Amino acid sequence: MRAALFYATLAGMRRAKAHLDPEQELLLRLEAARSEKSEERLREDLRKYLSRTPKPDLPPGAGAFDSGHTDTAGRAEEILQETGFGQDRD
């Protein structure tokens, strides 16, 4: 089975092409059908993806449980008391 050829024309830019293997082509077609996004929206999504700032190399799971608070370690005892952790339940 030959690889699909994917063409994209980005606003005011020249046409670009990328070769997709059959699985990638199928996934692209399924996503387009599933999301019912317009060509313009798919181009915008691609632009955002390609222009994103790479995240620093972190160990697996780092930041997975980010609470949004920066003082959690310093408030550990207070937080544990608020939740009743370690207290007997009658």
Protein backbone atom coordinates (compact mmCIF):
# COMPACT_ATOMS: atom_id res chain seq x y z
CA MET A 1 0.00 0.00 0.00
CA ARG A 2 1.50 3.36 -0.96
CA ALA A 3 1.83 6.23 1.47
CA ALA A 4 -0.63 9.07 1.06
CA LEU A 5 0.58 12.51 0.07
CA PHE A 6 -0.73 15.28 2.29
CA TYR A 7 -0.84 18.82 0.89
CA ALA A 8 -1.44 21.95 2.92
CA THR A 9 -1.64 25.56 1.84
CA LEU A 10 -1.22 27.92 4.74
CA ALA A 11 -2.50 31.49 4.48
CA GLY A 12 -0.13 33.33 2.17
CA MET A 13 2.48 30.58 2.23
CA ARG A 14 3.58 28.15 -0.40
CA ARG A 15 2.10 24.69 -0.65
CA ALA A 16 3.83 22.10 1.49
CA LYS A 17 3.62 18.35 1.31
CA ALA A 18 4.31 15.52 3.70
CA HIS A 19 4.15 11.80 3.07
CA LEU A 20 1.80 9.95 5.38
CA ASP A 21 1.89 6.25 5.94
CA PRO A 22 -1.47 4.46 5.58
CA GLU A 23 -2.15 4.53 9.33
CA GLN A 24 -1.48 8.28 9.54
CA GLU A 25 -3.72 8.92 6.54
CA LEU A 26 -6.51 6.93 8.13
CA LEU A 27 -6.11 8.75 11.46
CA LEU A 28 -6.18 12.13 9.70
CA ARG A 29 -9.33 11.22 7.77
CA LEU A 30 -11.02 9.86 10.90
CA GLU A 31 -10.18 12.99 12.88
CA ALA A 32 -11.51 15.23 10.11
CA ALA A 33 -14.76 13.25 9.95
CA ARG A 34 -15.08 12.99 13.74
CA SER A 35 -14.45 16.63 14.50
CA GLU A 36 -16.27 18.02 11.46
CA LYS A 37 -13.74 20.85 11.45
CA SER A 38 -13.32 23.09 8.45
CA GLU A 39 -10.08 23.15 6.48
CA GLU A 40 -9.32 26.53 8.01
CA ARG A 41 -9.77 25.16 11.54
CA LEU A 42 -7.52 22.17 10.84
CA ARG A 43 -4.85 24.54 9.47
CA GLU A 44 -5.14 26.70 12.60
CA ASP A 45 -4.79 23.61 14.83
CA LEU A 46 -1.71 22.54 12.87
CA ARG A 47 -0.21 26.04 13.14
CA LYS A 48 -0.73 26.07 16.91
CA TYR A 49 0.79 22.60 17.27
CA LEU A 50 3.85 23.43 15.19
CA SER A 51 4.49 26.78 16.90
CA ARG A 52 4.15 25.51 20.48
CA THR A 53 7.04 25.99 22.89
CA PRO A 54 8.63 22.65 23.71
CA LYS A 55 8.29 21.61 27.34
CA PRO A 56 11.48 20.95 29.27
CA ASP A 57 12.57 17.36 29.64
CA LEU A 58 10.89 16.16 32.81
CA PRO A 59 10.63 12.70 34.30
CA PRO A 60 7.44 10.78 33.45
CA GLY A 61 4.53 11.95 35.57
CA ALA A 62 6.14 15.23 36.62
CA GLY A 63 3.41 17.84 36.92
CA ALA A 64 0.64 15.29 36.41
CA PHE A 65 -0.95 16.30 39.69
CA ASP A 66 -0.36 20.05 39.50
CA SER A 67 -2.77 21.75 41.92
CA GLY A 68 -1.91 25.23 40.72
CA HIS A 69 -0.61 26.12 44.19
CA THR A 70 3.07 26.89 44.74
CA ASP A 71 3.04 26.74 48.54
CA THR A 72 1.72 23.21 49.10
CA ALA A 73 4.91 21.80 50.63
CA GLY A 74 5.14 24.65 53.12
CA ARG A 75 1.48 24.24 54.10
CA ALA A 76 1.51 20.43 54.32
CA GLU A 77 0.63 20.25 58.03
CA GLU A 78 -2.15 22.84 57.66
CA ILE A 79 -3.61 21.01 54.66
CA LEU A 80 -3.50 17.65 56.44
CA GLN A 81 -5.29 19.13 59.46
CA GLU A 82 -7.97 20.69 57.23
CA THR A 83 -8.69 17.31 55.65
CA GLY A 84 -8.66 15.44 58.96
CA PHE A 85 -5.85 13.18 57.81
CA GLY A 86 -4.57 10.97 60.64
CA GLN A 87 -7.42 11.77 63.01
CA ASP A 88 -9.53 8.99 64.50
CA ARG A 89 -13.00 8.65 63.06
CA ASP A 90 -15.60 7.84 65.69
